[in-house]
Protein backbone atom coordinates (compact mmCIF):
# COMPACT_ATOMS: atom_id res chain seq x y z
CA MET A 1 -30.03 -90.45 17.77
CA LYS A 2 -32.35 -88.99 15.14
CA PHE A 3 -29.83 -88.26 11.99
CA ASN A 4 -30.03 -84.78 10.90
CA PHE A 5 -29.95 -84.84 7.04
CA VAL A 6 -31.12 -81.42 6.02
CA GLY A 7 -28.32 -80.13 8.71
CA LEU A 8 -26.06 -82.22 6.55
CA LEU A 9 -26.72 -80.77 3.13
CA CYS A 10 -26.70 -77.52 4.45
CA SER A 11 -23.30 -77.73 5.57
CA LEU A 12 -22.03 -79.78 2.43
CA PHE A 13 -23.97 -76.60 0.31
CA LEU A 14 -22.25 -73.86 2.35
CA LEU A 15 -18.69 -75.97 1.72
CA ALA A 16 -19.00 -76.36 -1.77
CA ALA A 17 -19.44 -72.67 -1.98
CA CYS A 18 -16.62 -71.65 -0.02
CA HIS A 19 -13.96 -73.78 -2.29
CA SER A 20 -16.25 -73.56 -5.45
CA ASP A 21 -12.83 -72.71 -7.33
CA ASP A 22 -9.83 -73.98 -5.95
CA ASN A 23 -7.70 -71.46 -8.13
CA GLU A 24 -9.30 -68.51 -6.81
CA PRO A 25 -6.68 -66.87 -4.26
CA ILE A 26 -8.03 -65.47 -0.99
CA LEU A 27 -8.24 -61.57 -1.08
CA ALA A 28 -5.41 -59.85 0.94
CA ASP A 29 -3.99 -56.47 1.15
CA ASP A 30 -1.30 -55.66 -1.25
CA GLU A 31 2.36 -56.29 -0.24
CA PRO A 32 4.47 -53.37 1.62
CA GLN A 33 7.20 -51.74 -1.07
CA ALA A 34 10.30 -50.31 0.23
CA VAL A 35 10.48 -46.30 -0.45
CA THR A 36 13.14 -44.01 0.50
CA LEU A 37 12.51 -40.17 1.18
CA THR A 38 15.42 -37.99 0.51
CA ILE A 39 15.14 -34.66 2.04
CA ASN A 40 17.18 -31.43 0.51
CA LEU A 41 19.05 -29.23 3.07
CA GLU A 42 21.21 -26.81 0.61
CA ASP A 43 23.65 -24.48 2.34
CA ALA A 44 20.94 -21.83 2.50
CA TYR A 45 19.10 -23.88 4.77
CA THR A 46 21.09 -24.18 7.37
CA ARG A 47 19.63 -21.36 10.08
CA THR A 48 17.06 -21.63 12.04
CA ILE A 49 15.15 -19.26 14.38
CA SER A 50 16.18 -17.61 17.37
CA LYS A 51 16.14 -14.05 18.80
CA ASP A 52 19.19 -12.39 17.54
CA LYS A 53 21.23 -15.17 16.10
CA ASP A 54 21.23 -17.82 13.24
CA ASN A 55 21.39 -21.69 14.94
CA ALA A 56 22.85 -24.43 13.07
CA LEU A 57 19.81 -27.06 12.49
CA THR A 58 20.19 -30.33 14.72
CA ARG A 59 17.32 -32.35 13.77
CA LEU A 60 14.66 -33.30 10.91
CA LEU A 61 11.42 -34.46 12.48
CA ILE A 62 8.95 -36.63 9.80
CA GLN A 63 5.19 -37.29 10.44
CA MET A 64 3.17 -39.30 8.27
CA VAL A 65 -0.33 -39.07 6.77
CA ASP A 66 -1.46 -42.41 6.25
CA ASP A 67 -4.98 -42.07 4.69
CA ASP A 68 -5.84 -38.70 5.68
CA VAL A 69 -5.41 -40.20 9.18
CA LEU A 70 -2.25 -38.15 10.94
CA GLN A 71 -0.01 -40.43 12.51
CA THR A 72 0.75 -39.68 16.37
CA ASP A 73 4.55 -41.35 15.68
CA ILE A 74 7.36 -38.74 14.75
CA LYS A 75 10.51 -39.81 13.19
CA THR A 76 13.73 -37.84 14.34
CA ILE A 77 16.57 -37.32 12.28
CA ASN A 78 20.05 -36.26 13.97
CA LEU A 79 21.93 -33.75 11.38
CA THR A 80 24.99 -32.84 11.74
CA SER A 81 26.92 -29.39 11.01
CA GLY A 82 26.91 -28.71 6.92
CA GLN A 83 24.72 -31.81 6.02
CA THR A 84 22.81 -31.24 2.90
CA THR A 85 20.69 -34.29 2.39
CA ALA A 86 19.10 -36.80 4.94
CA THR A 87 17.33 -39.93 4.05
CA ALA A 88 14.36 -41.90 5.83
CA SER A 89 13.23 -45.36 4.91
CA TYR A 90 9.63 -46.58 4.90
CA GLU A 91 7.40 -49.53 4.18
CA LEU A 92 4.49 -48.52 2.09
CA TYR A 93 1.49 -50.01 0.52
CA ALA A 94 0.57 -49.02 -2.93
CA SER A 95 -3.41 -48.96 -1.82
CA HIS A 96 -2.70 -46.16 0.40
CA ARG A 97 -2.12 -42.34 0.01
CA TYR A 98 0.81 -41.17 1.94
CA THR A 99 1.58 -37.77 2.97
CA PHE A 100 4.59 -36.90 4.69
CA LEU A 101 5.25 -33.77 6.89
CA LEU A 102 8.81 -32.51 7.22
CA TRP A 103 10.28 -30.03 10.02
CA ALA A 104 13.89 -29.15 10.69
CA ASP A 105 14.69 -27.15 13.46
CA ASP A 106 17.41 -26.60 16.32
CA GLY A 107 16.06 -29.10 19.05
CA SER A 108 14.13 -25.85 21.11
CA TYR A 109 10.67 -26.99 20.09
CA ASN A 110 9.29 -30.54 22.01
CA ALA A 111 7.49 -31.33 18.90
CA THR A 112 4.64 -33.39 19.27
CA ASP A 113 2.06 -32.76 16.08
CA LEU A 114 3.63 -31.18 12.87
CA THR A 115 0.33 -29.36 12.24
CA ASN A 116 0.43 -27.05 15.33
CA ILE A 117 3.25 -25.64 16.02
CA THR A 118 3.53 -22.29 18.24
CA LEU A 119 6.27 -20.35 19.44
CA LYS A 120 7.67 -20.98 22.90
CA ASP A 121 5.90 -18.43 25.06
CA ASN A 122 4.94 -15.30 23.05
CA LEU A 123 5.72 -13.00 20.09
CA THR A 124 9.00 -11.31 21.97
CA ASP A 125 10.34 -14.77 22.54
CA THR A 126 10.62 -16.25 19.25
CA GLN A 127 12.94 -18.96 20.27
CA ALA A 128 10.83 -21.90 18.76
CA GLY A 129 13.07 -23.34 16.57
CA LEU A 130 10.72 -21.96 13.90
CA SER A 131 12.39 -23.26 10.65
CA TYR A 132 11.91 -25.01 7.82
CA ALA A 133 9.29 -27.13 6.16
CA ALA A 134 7.80 -29.48 3.63
CA LYS A 135 5.20 -31.71 2.62
CA ALA A 136 5.80 -34.42 0.32
CA THR A 137 3.36 -36.99 -1.28
CA TRP A 138 4.22 -40.82 -2.40
CA ASP A 139 2.26 -41.75 -5.85
CA GLY A 140 2.06 -45.29 -4.90
CA THR A 141 4.94 -46.79 -7.73
CA SER A 142 8.10 -44.71 -7.04
CA ALA A 143 10.66 -45.87 -4.92
CA THR A 144 12.17 -42.69 -4.13
CA ILE A 145 10.54 -39.38 -2.52
CA SER A 146 12.65 -36.22 -2.87
CA THR A 147 11.55 -32.51 -1.22
CA THR A 148 13.28 -29.68 -0.72
CA LEU A 149 12.87 -27.80 2.78
CA ASN A 150 11.50 -24.21 2.57
CA HIS A 151 12.12 -21.26 5.33
CA VAL A 152 8.76 -20.56 6.98
CA ALA A 153 9.33 -17.00 8.26
CA SER A 154 11.07 -13.87 7.50
CA LYS A 155 13.92 -12.59 8.89
CA VAL A 156 14.12 -8.61 9.25
CA THR A 157 17.42 -6.54 9.57
CA LEU A 158 18.15 -3.05 10.06
CA LYS A 159 21.24 -0.95 9.15
CA ALA A 160 22.47 2.31 9.22
CA THR A 161 24.38 4.09 6.35
CA ASN A 162 25.24 6.93 8.90
CA LYS A 163 26.55 8.57 12.13
CA LEU A 164 24.63 7.31 15.39
CA GLU A 165 25.19 8.12 19.37
CA ALA A 166 24.84 6.16 21.70
CA GLY A 167 21.57 5.24 23.84
CA ASN A 168 18.86 6.34 21.42
CA THR A 169 16.00 3.89 21.32
CA LEU A 170 14.81 2.87 17.56
CA THR A 171 11.80 0.30 17.43
CA LEU A 172 11.40 -1.55 14.24
CA THR A 173 7.41 -3.25 14.26
CA VAL A 174 5.67 -5.76 11.99
CA PRO A 175 2.28 -5.00 12.13
CA GLN A 176 1.04 -8.34 11.49
CA ALA A 177 2.76 -10.95 13.30
CA TYR A 178 1.49 -14.92 14.16
CA SER A 179 2.16 -17.39 16.72
CA GLY A 180 2.34 -20.58 15.14
CA TYR A 181 2.66 -22.79 11.56
CA ASN A 182 0.59 -25.85 10.51
CA VAL A 183 2.88 -27.41 8.19
CA GLN A 184 0.20 -29.87 6.53
CA ASP A 185 -1.56 -27.09 5.19
CA ALA A 186 1.51 -24.33 5.02
CA THR A 187 -0.12 -22.05 6.47
CA ILE A 188 0.09 -19.39 9.66
CA THR A 189 -1.93 -19.93 12.65
CA GLY A 190 -2.89 -17.87 15.64
CA GLU A 191 -4.18 -14.24 16.31
CA ALA A 192 -2.16 -11.18 14.17
CA GLU A 193 -0.36 -9.17 16.55
CA ALA A 194 1.83 -6.30 16.17
CA TYR A 195 5.70 -7.40 16.93
CA PRO A 196 7.76 -4.51 17.76
CA HIS A 197 11.42 -5.04 18.04
CA THR A 198 13.24 -2.50 20.28
CA TYR A 199 16.78 -1.54 20.19
CA THR A 200 19.11 1.03 22.19
CA THR A 201 21.73 2.26 20.00
CA THR A 202 25.58 2.43 20.31
CA ALA A 203 27.97 5.03 18.65
CA VAL A 204 28.25 3.55 14.90
CA SER A 205 29.70 5.16 11.85
CA GLY A 206 28.02 3.79 8.73
CA THR A 207 28.13 4.77 5.16
CA GLN A 208 26.14 3.88 2.20
CA GLU A 209 28.94 1.44 0.96
CA GLN A 210 29.91 0.41 4.43
CA PRO A 211 26.49 0.08 6.27
CA VAL A 212 26.63 -1.11 9.95
CA GLU A 213 23.96 -3.81 10.86
CA LEU A 214 22.45 -2.87 14.24
CA PHE A 215 19.87 -5.91 14.85
CA SER A 216 18.15 -8.79 12.81
CA PHE A 217 15.05 -10.60 14.35
CA TYR A 218 12.66 -13.23 12.99
CA VAL A 219 9.05 -13.22 12.75
CA LEU A 220 6.44 -15.05 11.13
CA ALA A 221 4.37 -13.20 8.78
CA ALA A 222 1.52 -13.68 5.91
CA ASN A 223 3.07 -13.57 2.19
CA ALA A 224 0.80 -10.39 1.79
CA LEU A 225 1.94 -6.26 1.60
CA GLN A 226 2.12 -4.51 5.63
CA ASN A 227 3.63 -1.54 6.33
CA LEU A 228 6.66 -2.10 8.54
CA THR A 229 7.39 1.07 10.68
CA VAL A 230 10.77 2.52 11.91
CA SER A 231 10.48 4.64 15.15
CA CYS A 232 13.06 6.97 16.75
CA ASN A 233 12.88 9.83 19.09
CA ASN A 234 9.06 9.89 18.77
CA GLU A 235 9.48 10.21 15.29
CA THR A 236 8.01 7.08 12.70
CA ALA A 237 9.00 6.04 9.01
CA THR A 238 7.03 3.61 7.00
CA VAL A 239 8.24 1.29 4.57
CA PRO A 240 6.01 -0.98 2.85
CA ALA A 241 6.98 -4.70 2.02
CA ASN A 242 5.91 -8.03 1.35
CA LEU A 243 6.70 -10.34 3.82
CA GLY A 244 6.47 -14.07 4.36
CA GLY A 245 8.74 -17.28 4.20
CA GLY A 246 12.25 -17.19 3.28
CA LYS A 247 12.39 -13.39 2.63
CA HIS A 248 14.90 -11.57 4.43
CA ILE A 249 14.04 -8.18 4.48
CA ILE A 250 17.22 -5.41 4.90
CA LEU A 251 16.12 -2.01 5.93
CA LYS A 252 19.34 0.16 5.11
CA GLY A 253 19.74 3.65 5.00
CA ASP A 254 20.01 6.86 6.90
CA ILE A 255 18.45 6.28 10.50
CA SER A 256 18.64 9.74 11.94
CA THR A 257 18.55 10.09 15.83
CA GLN A 258 17.13 13.54 15.95
CA GLU A 259 14.57 13.38 12.97
CA GLN A 260 12.42 10.78 10.97
CA PRO A 261 14.55 7.97 9.33
CA HIS A 262 14.98 8.84 5.86
CA SER A 263 16.43 8.06 2.95
CA THR A 264 16.39 4.17 3.43
CA SER A 265 16.06 1.83 0.96
CA LEU A 266 14.76 -1.63 1.49
CA SER A 267 16.76 -4.49 0.18
CA VAL A 268 17.67 -8.05 0.54
CA SER A 269 20.62 -10.10 -0.62
CA ILE A 270 21.19 -13.60 0.97
CA GLY A 271 21.81 -16.61 -1.01
CA GLY A 272 19.03 -19.70 -1.28
CA TRP A 273 15.96 -16.60 -0.17
CA SER A 274 13.59 -15.11 -2.45
CA ASP A 275 14.99 -11.56 -3.34
CA LEU A 276 13.41 -8.64 -2.54
CA GLU A 277 14.66 -5.14 -3.27
CA LEU A 278 12.89 -2.29 -2.20
CA PRO A 279 14.09 1.61 -2.04
CA PHE A 280 12.55 3.58 0.87
CA GLY A 281 12.41 7.55 0.95
CA GLY A 282 14.50 9.95 -1.57
CA THR A 283 12.72 11.32 -5.14
CA ASP A 284 13.73 9.77 -8.72
CA GLN A 285 13.73 12.04 -11.27
CA LEU A 286 11.58 11.19 -14.60
CA THR A 287 12.70 13.61 -17.72
CA ASP A 288 12.47 13.27 -21.38
CA ASP A 289 15.63 11.35 -21.42
CA THR A 290 14.48 8.74 -19.07
CA GLN A 291 14.36 5.14 -20.37
CA ALA A 292 12.21 2.47 -19.28
CA SER A 293 13.59 -0.56 -17.03
CA GLY A 294 13.94 -3.95 -19.34
CA SER A 295 11.49 -5.49 -16.36
CA LEU A 296 10.00 -5.06 -12.97
CA GLN A 297 10.31 -6.89 -9.66
CA GLY A 298 7.37 -8.91 -8.57
CA SER A 299 5.14 -11.31 -10.97
CA GLY A 300 1.96 -8.27 -11.00
CA THR A 301 -0.51 -10.15 -9.18
CA PRO A 302 -2.36 -9.10 -6.34
CA GLU A 303 -0.75 -10.95 -3.84
CA ASP A 304 2.41 -10.07 -5.51
CA PRO A 305 2.45 -6.60 -7.06
CA TYR A 306 4.89 -5.34 -9.70
CA ARG A 307 7.11 -2.89 -7.52
CA ILE A 308 7.66 0.31 -9.11
CA THR A 309 11.50 1.26 -7.71
CA SER A 310 12.06 4.17 -10.12
CA ALA A 311 11.43 6.49 -12.36
CA ALA A 312 12.42 3.80 -14.92
CA ASP A 313 9.95 1.36 -13.58
CA LEU A 314 7.25 3.54 -13.67
CA LEU A 315 7.92 3.87 -17.69
CA CYS A 316 8.15 0.18 -17.85
CA TYR A 317 4.91 -0.43 -15.91
CA MET A 318 3.06 2.55 -18.44
CA ASP A 319 4.11 0.92 -21.72
CA ASP A 320 4.03 -2.69 -20.62
CA TYR A 321 2.23 -3.35 -17.93
CA ALA A 322 -1.06 -1.00 -16.94
CA SER A 323 -3.24 -1.93 -19.68
CA THR A 324 -2.82 -5.49 -19.46
CA GLY A 325 -4.74 -5.97 -16.25
CA MET A 326 -1.42 -6.37 -14.06
CA HIS A 327 -1.13 -4.74 -10.54
CA ALA A 328 1.65 -2.14 -9.13
CA ILE A 329 2.62 -0.55 -6.09
CA LEU A 330 4.93 2.38 -5.88
CA TYR A 331 7.73 2.44 -3.36
CA THR A 332 9.83 5.77 -4.16
CA ASP A 333 8.69 9.49 -5.11
CA ILE A 334 9.23 10.21 -8.45
CA GLU A 335 9.58 13.93 -9.87
CA ILE A 336 8.10 14.13 -13.54
CA ASN A 337 9.15 16.82 -15.59
CA ARG A 338 8.40 15.92 -19.19
CA THR A 339 7.25 18.26 -22.11
CA ASN A 340 4.94 15.36 -23.57
CA TRP A 341 3.51 12.78 -21.19
CA GLN A 342 1.62 10.03 -22.94
CA PRO A 343 -0.63 8.70 -20.72
CA VAL A 344 -2.06 5.19 -21.30
CA SER A 345 -5.06 3.05 -19.64
CA LEU A 346 -4.98 1.05 -16.67
CA SER A 347 -6.96 -1.77 -16.15
CA GLY A 348 -5.18 -2.97 -13.00
CA THR A 349 -4.55 -1.97 -9.30
CA PHE A 350 -2.43 0.81 -9.29
CA ASP A 351 -1.26 1.83 -5.00
CA GLY A 352 0.83 4.95 -4.75
CA GLY A 353 2.03 3.41 -1.45
CA ASN A 354 1.13 7.05 -0.04
CA HIS A 355 4.44 8.09 -2.46
CA THR A 356 4.13 11.18 -4.11
CA ILE A 357 4.71 12.02 -8.08
CA SER A 358 5.27 15.47 -8.38
CA GLY A 359 6.64 17.97 -10.97
CA THR A 360 5.31 18.95 -14.26
CA MET A 361 3.64 17.32 -17.08
CA THR A 362 2.44 18.82 -20.71
CA ILE A 363 -0.18 17.03 -22.56
CA ASN A 364 -2.04 16.94 -25.92
CA ALA A 365 -5.43 15.43 -25.11
CA LEU A 366 -5.55 14.40 -28.66
CA ASP A 367 -7.87 10.90 -27.53
CA GLY A 368 -9.84 12.97 -25.64
CA SER A 369 -8.29 12.24 -22.08
CA ALA A 370 -5.85 13.26 -20.16
CA GLY A 371 -4.29 12.77 -16.74
CA LEU A 372 -1.52 10.22 -15.42
CA PHE A 373 -3.60 7.86 -16.67
CA ASN A 374 -6.25 8.56 -19.96
CA THR A 375 -8.62 5.78 -18.25
CA VAL A 376 -9.33 3.83 -15.56
CA ILE A 377 -11.35 0.80 -16.62
CA ASN A 378 -12.47 -1.85 -14.26
CA SER A 379 -9.82 -1.15 -12.33
CA THR A 380 -8.52 0.62 -8.94
CA VAL A 381 -6.28 3.96 -7.52
CA ARG A 382 -5.29 3.82 -3.96
CA ASN A 383 -2.86 5.96 -1.72
CA LEU A 384 -1.54 8.10 -4.56
CA ILE A 385 -0.34 11.64 -3.95
CA MET A 386 -0.03 13.65 -7.11
CA ASP A 387 1.46 16.93 -6.90
CA VAL A 388 2.25 17.60 -10.63
CA GLU A 389 1.38 21.26 -12.62
CA MET A 390 -0.61 19.67 -15.07
CA THR A 391 -1.22 21.47 -18.61
CA VAL A 392 -3.63 19.89 -21.06
CA THR A 393 -4.20 21.29 -24.75
CA GLY A 394 -5.40 19.93 -27.75
CA SER A 395 -9.29 19.82 -29.29
CA SER A 396 -11.59 16.64 -29.54
CA ASP A 397 -14.26 16.28 -32.00
CA THR A 398 -16.11 14.44 -29.44
CA SER A 399 -15.45 14.99 -25.67
CA ILE A 400 -12.30 15.47 -23.81
CA CYS A 401 -11.89 15.31 -20.00
CA THR A 402 -8.71 15.75 -17.47
CA GLY A 403 -7.98 15.18 -14.32
CA SER A 404 -4.68 14.44 -12.03
CA ILE A 405 -4.91 10.62 -12.22
CA ALA A 406 -6.93 10.20 -15.00
CA GLY A 407 -9.07 11.71 -17.42
CA GLY A 408 -12.01 9.42 -17.74
CA ALA A 409 -12.85 6.32 -16.03
CA THR A 410 -15.42 3.16 -16.45
CA ASN A 411 -16.18 1.16 -13.42
CA GLY A 412 -13.28 2.40 -11.74
CA THR A 413 -12.24 3.17 -8.12
CA PHE A 414 -10.45 5.82 -6.55
CA GLU A 415 -9.55 5.37 -2.91
CA ASN A 416 -7.50 7.90 -0.31
CA CYS A 417 -5.74 9.57 -3.25
CA VAL A 418 -4.45 13.12 -2.87
CA ASN A 419 -3.95 16.05 -5.48
CA HIS A 420 -1.97 19.17 -4.55
CA GLY A 421 -0.90 20.44 -8.27
CA ASP A 422 -2.71 22.58 -10.23
CA ILE A 423 -4.31 21.41 -13.23
CA ASN A 424 -4.71 24.03 -16.75
CA ALA A 425 -6.85 22.73 -19.32
CA SER A 426 -7.84 26.08 -20.48
CA ASP A 427 -6.46 25.52 -23.94
CA THR A 428 -8.36 22.47 -24.53
CA THR A 429 -11.73 23.20 -27.20
CA ALA A 430 -14.46 20.14 -27.35
CA GLN A 431 -17.34 19.99 -29.44
CA ASN A 432 -19.30 18.01 -27.00
CA ASP A 433 -18.62 18.01 -23.51
CA ASN A 434 -15.33 18.94 -21.31
CA SER A 435 -14.72 17.77 -18.13
CA THR A 436 -12.26 18.44 -15.61
CA GLY A 437 -11.51 17.43 -12.14
CA GLY A 438 -9.32 17.50 -9.74
CA ILE A 439 -8.92 13.55 -9.21
CA VAL A 440 -10.70 12.24 -12.08
CA GLY A 441 -12.07 14.39 -15.15
CA ASN A 442 -15.40 11.71 -16.17
CA THR A 443 -16.38 8.77 -14.46
CA THR A 444 -19.06 6.41 -15.30
CA ALA A 445 -20.23 3.19 -12.98
CA GLY A 446 -17.75 3.72 -10.16
CA LYS A 447 -16.73 5.03 -6.75
CA VAL A 448 -14.44 7.79 -5.62
CA SER A 449 -13.89 7.71 -1.45
CA GLY A 450 -11.67 9.48 0.74
CA CYS A 451 -9.76 11.53 -1.74
CA THR A 452 -8.78 15.09 -1.68
CA ASN A 453 -7.85 18.13 -3.70
CA THR A 454 -6.16 21.45 -2.81
CA GLY A 455 -5.09 22.38 -6.42
CA LYS A 456 -6.96 24.90 -8.91
CA VAL A 457 -8.69 23.54 -11.41
CA THR A 458 -9.29 25.10 -14.85
CA GLY A 459 -11.56 23.65 -17.78
CA GLY A 460 -11.80 24.73 -21.22
CA GLU A 461 -14.42 24.91 -23.82
CA GLY A 462 -17.06 22.80 -25.08
CA SER A 463 -20.81 22.65 -26.14
CA ARG A 464 -21.32 21.77 -22.17
CA VAL A 465 -18.39 22.39 -19.63
CA TYR A 466 -17.95 20.70 -16.26
CA ILE A 467 -15.62 21.67 -13.80
CA GLY A 468 -15.26 19.86 -9.96
CA GLY A 469 -13.15 19.77 -6.97
CA ILE A 470 -12.99 16.50 -6.90
CA VAL A 471 -14.87 14.94 -10.56
CA GLY A 472 -15.75 17.24 -13.21
CA SER A 473 -18.86 14.83 -14.57
CA ALA A 474 -20.07 11.48 -12.97
CA THR A 475 -22.79 9.36 -14.13
CA GLY A 476 -23.49 6.38 -11.85
CA THR A 477 -20.83 6.99 -9.48
CA GLU A 478 -20.53 6.69 -5.56
CA LEU A 479 -18.56 9.98 -4.07
CA SER A 480 -18.26 9.67 -0.12
CA ASP A 481 -15.80 11.20 2.28
CA ASN A 482 -14.04 13.51 -0.20
CA HIS A 483 -12.46 17.30 0.37
CA PHE A 484 -11.45 20.10 -1.89
CA ASP A 485 -10.41 23.55 -1.38
CA GLN A 486 -13.54 25.98 -1.58
CA GLY A 487 -11.68 28.28 -4.25
CA THR A 488 -12.10 27.29 -7.89
CA PRO A 489 -14.19 25.46 -8.40
CA ASN A 490 -16.90 25.42 -5.49
CA THR A 491 -18.54 21.88 -6.17
CA GLU A 492 -17.27 18.43 -5.54
CA THR A 493 -18.93 17.58 -8.80
CA GLY A 494 -19.54 19.82 -11.94
CA ASN A 495 -22.11 17.74 -13.15
CA TRP A 496 -23.72 14.40 -11.45
CA TRP A 497 -26.69 12.12 -13.09
């Protein structure tokens, strides 16, 4: 047999290479660490969804995401009535990234994947155990993780403050409801559908101090403003509200069974849920004696605008927020009777919510612009109804512009606004232009669409006088689908460049 000397040398070389350093450890995965996950179930979080009532939570579901891979196993922890915390133990590797998806309900949903939870049958059978969800992550070092479950749906309740006869049909409709929830993304899923809840009245007698609850229901809805409707005997009232997880919407007021519901307030009161107090109907008075409220509901963002629920709130918004880019929505009709209205600039979106600002205003156009706002800059006014008898006085060395909503606008948008009040600027004198319009006096590089004016517009004096049913004068502005009475004036805009 021939000795293979070359092969022996190769084997010895490879062996030496593998063991060149006896002190070098063999690489392995890091050792697992014991980690405890603690879930808070506060007293407010002992409800779950069923069609007409609250049920106690009976179980907690936990699904793990390991390095972005959703694990198929779901851990189930049984809960007892009144339980406020729950824990789960895991062995985790520091080199991995972990996310835990948590869901608590009454056990009516056969959970196989917490990223795709859907209603049991359809939007009229909301008994899927849609309840509380949370997502927790591990930083690779902590021995404990703590998180609190949050409600994912809205609860809607209707209460009557008047006497109701038996046998009438009430329907409360949420226009955009959804059919599922993704715990990992914390988003509602499915196609948006109108969700009507129908109720046949019994004979009840409620008062403002002691309203009678007629019904409650639950619904998945986006955290966005939408118009709820209350219908009775073919009459419908609209209630704008921001729905979303954890909000309990209570409609409370005079629900007439013979005519349109009216004098209804929208408020909320439930421990642990986010508050929402919104009036509906009625007219609040704003006089010379009205004082601004100290704060506003909401955060001023497009998703959560400030909620103007009273005349005092309107003053607060005008004084502190209108010119700072903050957004607002009007939730009630306001009657202004003020001898010296002092308009301010608007730089955020003002949504009138199809409510009316009425009354009388006297404005001294010292700064050259007069209206509910003096100027609208890079912002939008929509869905506002003006019915104010407006009298404007004063003189200017430059120009004066007057409109029911705004005197002037730069890159401003006016959408679906209405003016019914007369505008009288006959006692104004400008050295240059004097522009008066039913909606806005002068606008540059803006848009006015879907607006209507039925009020009489009277201009003042100046080297050039422009009077328009919608706009006094416009430069580089888009005008579309606007309407005005063919009286005084006879044109949509007094002058357009």
